[in-house]
N, C-alpha and C. Protein backbone atom coordinates (compact mmCIF):
# COMPACT_ATOMS: atom_id res chain seq x y z
N UNK A 1 -10.00 -18.16 6.34
CA UNK A 1 -9.25 -17.15 5.71
C UNK A 1 -7.58 -17.31 6.01
N UNK A 2 -6.70 -17.19 5.09
CA UNK A 2 -5.40 -17.15 4.96
C UNK A 2 -4.53 -16.12 5.48
N UNK A 3 -3.13 -16.16 5.87
CA UNK A 3 -2.33 -15.13 6.24
C UNK A 3 -1.67 -14.86 4.75
N UNK A 4 -1.49 -13.80 4.39
CA UNK A 4 -0.73 -13.48 3.20
C UNK A 4 0.73 -13.79 3.80
N UNK A 5 1.61 -14.27 2.73
CA UNK A 5 3.04 -14.88 2.93
C UNK A 5 3.78 -13.37 2.92
N UNK A 6 5.15 -13.17 3.72
CA UNK A 6 5.86 -11.83 3.73
C UNK A 6 5.92 -11.36 2.38
N UNK A 7 6.01 -10.19 1.90
CA UNK A 7 6.09 -9.13 0.67
C UNK A 7 5.28 -9.75 -0.38
N UNK A 8 3.99 -10.53 0.18
CA UNK A 8 2.96 -10.88 -1.30
C UNK A 8 1.91 -9.87 -0.89
N UNK A 9 1.03 -9.73 -2.16
CA UNK A 9 -0.03 -9.21 -1.94
C UNK A 9 -1.40 -9.79 -2.84
N UNK A 10 -2.48 -9.69 -2.30
CA UNK A 10 -3.44 -10.28 -2.79
C UNK A 10 -4.07 -8.98 -4.27
N UNK A 11 -3.93 -9.59 -5.37
CA UNK A 11 -4.71 -8.80 -6.54
C UNK A 11 -5.55 -9.70 -7.56
N UNK A 12 -6.59 -9.54 -7.59
CA UNK A 12 -7.39 -10.20 -8.72
C UNK A 12 -7.68 -11.55 -8.19
N UNK A 13 -7.77 -11.92 -7.09
CA UNK A 13 -7.61 -13.23 -6.40
C UNK A 13 -6.51 -13.95 -6.72
N UNK A 14 -5.58 -13.53 -6.56
CA UNK A 14 -3.75 -14.22 -7.06
C UNK A 14 -2.99 -13.66 -6.02
N UNK A 15 -2.18 -14.31 -5.88
CA UNK A 15 -1.29 -13.60 -4.93
C UNK A 15 -0.19 -13.30 -5.78
N UNK A 16 0.49 -12.31 -5.32
CA UNK A 16 1.52 -11.35 -6.44
C UNK A 16 2.73 -10.91 -5.59
N UNK A 17 3.67 -11.15 -6.40
CA UNK A 17 4.93 -10.31 -5.72
C UNK A 17 5.94 -10.15 -7.08
N UNK A 18 6.64 -9.14 -6.68
CA UNK A 18 7.71 -8.18 -7.56
C UNK A 18 8.98 -8.78 -6.75
N UNK A 19 10.10 -9.32 -7.51
CA UNK A 19 11.24 -9.26 -7.08
C UNK A 19 12.22 -8.38 -7.86
N UNK A 20 13.25 -7.73 -7.63
CA UNK A 20 14.02 -6.77 -7.91
C UNK A 20 15.53 -7.25 -7.83
N UNK A 21 16.26 -7.40 -9.29
CA UNK A 21 17.62 -8.07 -9.04
C UNK A 21 18.49 -7.03 -9.71
N UNK A 22 19.67 -6.97 -9.41
CA UNK A 22 20.78 -6.33 -9.90
C UNK A 22 21.27 -6.58 -11.50
N UNK A 23 21.00 -7.41 -11.70
CA UNK A 23 21.20 -7.69 -13.11
C UNK A 23 20.25 -8.86 -13.94
N UNK A 24 20.19 -8.52 -14.94
CA UNK A 24 19.18 -9.42 -15.71
C UNK A 24 19.29 -11.17 -15.81
N UNK A 25 20.65 -11.69 -15.63
CA UNK A 25 20.91 -12.84 -15.33
C UNK A 25 20.55 -13.38 -14.10
N UNK A 26 20.75 -12.44 -12.98
CA UNK A 26 20.28 -12.76 -11.91
C UNK A 26 18.84 -13.20 -11.73
N UNK A 27 18.04 -12.46 -12.22
CA UNK A 27 16.57 -12.69 -12.25
C UNK A 27 16.50 -13.79 -13.25
N UNK A 28 16.86 -14.11 -14.16
CA UNK A 28 16.92 -15.51 -14.89
C UNK A 28 17.16 -16.53 -14.38
N UNK A 29 18.16 -16.38 -13.18
CA UNK A 29 18.59 -17.58 -12.42
C UNK A 29 17.33 -17.89 -11.55
N UNK A 30 16.85 -16.72 -10.78
CA UNK A 30 15.75 -17.02 -10.01
C UNK A 30 14.61 -17.59 -10.44
N UNK A 31 14.36 -17.27 -11.67
CA UNK A 31 13.12 -17.77 -12.53
C UNK A 31 13.43 -19.31 -12.53
N UNK A 32 14.59 -19.97 -13.06
CA UNK A 32 15.02 -20.98 -13.18
C UNK A 32 14.63 -21.88 -11.87
N UNK A 33 14.91 -21.48 -10.85
CA UNK A 33 14.89 -21.98 -9.40
C UNK A 33 13.54 -21.92 -9.33
N UNK A 34 12.67 -21.13 -9.55
CA UNK A 34 11.25 -21.20 -9.23
C UNK A 34 10.56 -22.21 -10.26
N UNK A 35 11.11 -22.34 -11.42
CA UNK A 35 10.57 -23.24 -12.29
C UNK A 35 10.88 -24.70 -11.58
N UNK A 36 12.07 -24.92 -11.16
CA UNK A 36 12.30 -26.37 -10.79
C UNK A 36 11.54 -26.67 -9.44
N UNK A 37 11.26 -25.48 -8.94
CA UNK A 37 10.32 -25.98 -7.47
C UNK A 37 8.70 -26.27 -8.18
N UNK A 38 8.42 -25.67 -8.97
CA UNK A 38 7.08 -25.51 -9.54
C UNK A 38 6.78 -26.94 -10.06
N UNK A 39 7.73 -27.44 -10.92
CA UNK A 39 7.77 -28.98 -11.42
C UNK A 39 7.79 -29.71 -10.42
N UNK A 40 8.55 -29.68 -9.20
CA UNK A 40 8.65 -30.58 -7.94
C UNK A 40 7.23 -30.73 -7.27
N UNK A 41 6.55 -29.66 -7.25
CA UNK A 41 5.51 -29.85 -6.68
C UNK A 41 4.30 -29.62 -7.69
N UNK A 42 4.36 -29.62 -8.89
CA UNK A 42 3.22 -29.34 -9.96
C UNK A 42 2.24 -28.20 -9.73
N UNK A 43 2.69 -27.13 -9.28
CA UNK A 43 1.96 -25.79 -9.18
C UNK A 43 2.66 -24.82 -9.80
N UNK A 44 2.35 -24.18 -10.84
CA UNK A 44 2.98 -23.25 -11.72
C UNK A 44 2.53 -21.98 -11.76
N UNK A 45 3.52 -21.27 -11.42
CA UNK A 45 3.01 -19.73 -11.14
C UNK A 45 3.02 -19.04 -12.78
N UNK A 46 2.52 -17.80 -13.00
CA UNK A 46 2.55 -17.02 -14.02
C UNK A 46 3.88 -16.23 -13.54
N UNK A 47 4.83 -15.84 -14.52
CA UNK A 47 5.84 -15.44 -14.32
C UNK A 47 6.28 -14.22 -15.47
N UNK A 48 6.43 -13.00 -15.08
CA UNK A 48 6.74 -11.97 -16.10
C UNK A 48 8.24 -11.52 -15.84
N UNK A 49 8.79 -11.39 -16.81
CA UNK A 49 10.26 -10.83 -16.64
C UNK A 49 10.47 -9.84 -17.58
N UNK A 50 10.64 -8.35 -16.80
CA UNK A 50 10.79 -7.19 -17.33
C UNK A 50 12.39 -6.71 -16.80
N UNK A 51 13.28 -7.02 -17.71
CA UNK A 51 14.63 -6.66 -17.55
C UNK A 51 15.30 -7.27 -16.15
N UNK A 52 15.13 -6.56 -14.95
CA UNK A 52 15.73 -6.98 -13.97
C UNK A 52 14.59 -6.94 -12.87
N UNK A 53 13.34 -6.67 -13.36
CA UNK A 53 12.16 -7.28 -12.50
C UNK A 53 11.67 -8.60 -12.59
N UNK A 54 11.31 -9.36 -11.76
CA UNK A 54 10.53 -10.60 -11.89
C UNK A 54 9.27 -10.74 -11.29
N UNK A 55 8.00 -10.60 -11.79
CA UNK A 55 6.66 -10.53 -11.29
C UNK A 55 5.81 -11.93 -11.20
N UNK A 56 5.81 -12.61 -10.07
CA UNK A 56 5.07 -13.73 -9.94
C UNK A 56 3.67 -13.74 -9.49
N UNK A 57 2.72 -14.61 -10.26
CA UNK A 57 1.36 -14.63 -9.51
C UNK A 57 0.79 -15.99 -9.43
N UNK A 58 0.47 -16.03 -8.51
CA UNK A 58 0.15 -17.55 -8.10
C UNK A 58 -1.43 -17.53 -7.76
N UNK A 59 -2.26 -18.44 -8.46
CA UNK A 59 -3.48 -18.72 -8.21
C UNK A 59 -3.61 -20.11 -8.36
N UNK A 60 -4.91 -20.98 -7.93
CA UNK A 60 -5.03 -22.36 -8.41
C UNK A 60 -6.20 -22.65 -9.41
N UNK A 61 -5.64 -23.02 -10.56
CA UNK A 61 -6.45 -22.85 -11.80
C UNK A 61 -7.58 -24.08 -11.64
N UNK A 62 -7.26 -25.14 -10.94
CA UNK A 62 -8.27 -26.29 -10.95
C UNK A 62 -9.41 -25.68 -9.41
N UNK A 63 -9.34 -25.06 -8.91
CA UNK A 63 -10.16 -24.41 -7.97
C UNK A 63 -10.75 -23.28 -8.28
N UNK A 64 -10.77 -22.98 -9.60
CA UNK A 64 -11.45 -21.89 -10.23
C UNK A 64 -10.88 -20.26 -10.33
N UNK A 65 -9.54 -20.65 -10.08
CA UNK A 65 -8.74 -19.55 -10.49
C UNK A 65 -8.63 -18.51 -9.13
N UNK A 66 -8.75 -18.88 -7.93
CA UNK A 66 -8.49 -18.18 -6.76
C UNK A 66 -7.38 -18.98 -5.91
N UNK A 67 -7.17 -18.10 -5.07
CA UNK A 67 -6.03 -18.48 -3.95
C UNK A 67 -6.31 -19.58 -2.90
N UNK A 68 -5.57 -20.66 -2.97
CA UNK A 68 -5.93 -21.56 -1.93
C UNK A 68 -4.31 -22.01 -1.12
N UNK A 69 -4.42 -22.96 -0.59
CA UNK A 69 -3.28 -23.20 0.44
C UNK A 69 -2.13 -23.71 -0.42
N UNK A 70 -2.23 -24.28 -1.61
CA UNK A 70 -1.12 -24.35 -2.66
C UNK A 70 -0.71 -23.27 -2.92
N UNK A 71 -1.14 -22.17 -3.13
CA UNK A 71 -0.44 -20.92 -3.43
C UNK A 71 0.37 -20.16 -2.20
N UNK A 72 -0.46 -20.32 -0.96
CA UNK A 72 0.30 -20.00 -0.07
C UNK A 72 1.42 -20.68 0.27
N UNK A 73 1.26 -21.83 0.23
CA UNK A 73 2.80 -22.94 0.41
C UNK A 73 3.87 -22.35 -0.52
N UNK A 74 3.39 -22.46 -1.74
CA UNK A 74 4.32 -21.94 -3.14
C UNK A 74 5.08 -20.68 -2.73
N UNK A 75 4.16 -19.76 -2.24
CA UNK A 75 4.66 -18.48 -2.32
C UNK A 75 5.81 -18.47 -0.98
N UNK A 76 5.47 -19.27 0.32
CA UNK A 76 6.55 -19.54 1.23
C UNK A 76 7.78 -19.83 0.82
N UNK A 77 7.70 -20.95 -0.08
CA UNK A 77 8.56 -21.93 -0.66
C UNK A 77 9.60 -20.77 -1.51
N UNK A 78 8.87 -19.88 -2.35
CA UNK A 78 9.59 -18.98 -3.16
C UNK A 78 10.44 -17.77 -2.35
N UNK A 79 9.58 -17.69 -1.18
CA UNK A 79 10.27 -16.82 -0.33
C UNK A 79 11.81 -17.11 0.10
N UNK A 80 11.49 -18.34 0.53
CA UNK A 80 13.22 -19.18 0.72
C UNK A 80 14.13 -19.28 -0.32
N UNK A 81 13.58 -18.88 -1.45
CA UNK A 81 14.90 -19.24 -2.31
C UNK A 81 15.76 -17.77 -2.19
């Protein structure tokens, strides 16, 4: 069993977190940073942008769409952004 990273929840076999920003472009910049991190570690999240809210969902597809240590590590790294 794993410990959920701070501010993340488990929903339907995925780690999920919503981030709220003051302005649309702040959220877009955050998504750009997440995308760079994802490319670096080759673990790509689902990202939804709704004006100033960014929702990120993590699960490991090649493990059967469940939460793995890769997702935990990615969530911790995203929290540091």
